[in-house]
Amino acid sequence: MFWIRFRLAAVPIAGLLVSFVMVKFFPLSAAKMADIRTELEARRGAV
């Protein structure tokens, strides 16, 4: 019974840790976000 509970908790925790690492190393700065926003607004208009 312990291993079932362990796996049910470990899989989401592992996914959360992987997502934290991916967000940490994703190259997104304030300047890059502003460039993306400008490009998107040019495509569809201001929000």
Protein backbone atom coordinates (compact mmCIF):
# COMPACT_ATOMS: atom_id res chain seq x y z
CA MET A 1 0.00 0.00 0.00
CA PHE A 2 2.91 2.35 0.73
CA TRP A 3 4.32 2.07 -2.80
CA ILE A 4 1.00 2.96 -4.40
CA ARG A 5 0.76 6.12 -2.31
CA PHE A 6 4.42 6.89 -2.92
CA ARG A 7 4.03 6.64 -6.70
CA LEU A 8 0.84 8.69 -6.69
CA ALA A 9 2.71 11.46 -4.88
CA ALA A 10 6.12 11.09 -6.53
CA VAL A 11 4.98 11.47 -10.14
CA PRO A 12 3.36 14.92 -9.70
CA ILE A 13 6.23 16.10 -7.50
CA ALA A 14 8.77 15.00 -10.12
CA GLY A 15 6.79 16.84 -12.80
CA LEU A 16 6.71 19.97 -10.67
CA LEU A 17 10.47 19.84 -10.12
CA VAL A 18 11.11 19.35 -13.84
CA SER A 19 8.88 22.32 -14.66
CA PHE A 20 10.74 24.52 -12.14
CA VAL A 21 14.06 23.63 -13.77
CA MET A 22 12.70 24.32 -17.24
CA VAL A 23 11.34 27.72 -16.21
CA LYS A 24 14.59 28.62 -14.48
CA PHE A 25 16.70 28.01 -17.58
CA PHE A 26 14.25 29.41 -20.15
CA PRO A 27 15.88 32.51 -21.69
CA LEU A 28 13.13 35.07 -21.10
CA SER A 29 14.04 38.55 -19.92
CA ALA A 30 11.94 41.69 -19.57
CA ALA A 31 13.27 42.95 -22.89
CA LYS A 32 12.43 39.68 -24.64
CA MET A 33 8.91 39.73 -23.19
CA ALA A 34 8.43 43.31 -24.42
CA ASP A 35 9.56 42.29 -27.92
CA ILE A 36 7.13 39.38 -27.96
CA ARG A 37 4.27 41.59 -26.73
CA THR A 38 5.01 44.21 -29.38
CA GLU A 39 5.01 41.58 -32.09
CA LEU A 40 1.75 40.04 -30.88
CA GLU A 41 0.02 43.42 -30.63
CA ALA A 42 1.15 44.25 -34.17
CA ARG A 43 -0.49 41.02 -35.38
CA ARG A 44 -3.85 41.40 -33.63
CA GLY A 45 -4.10 44.90 -32.15
CA ALA A 46 -3.59 46.17 -28.61
CA VAL A 47 -5.16 44.34 -25.69
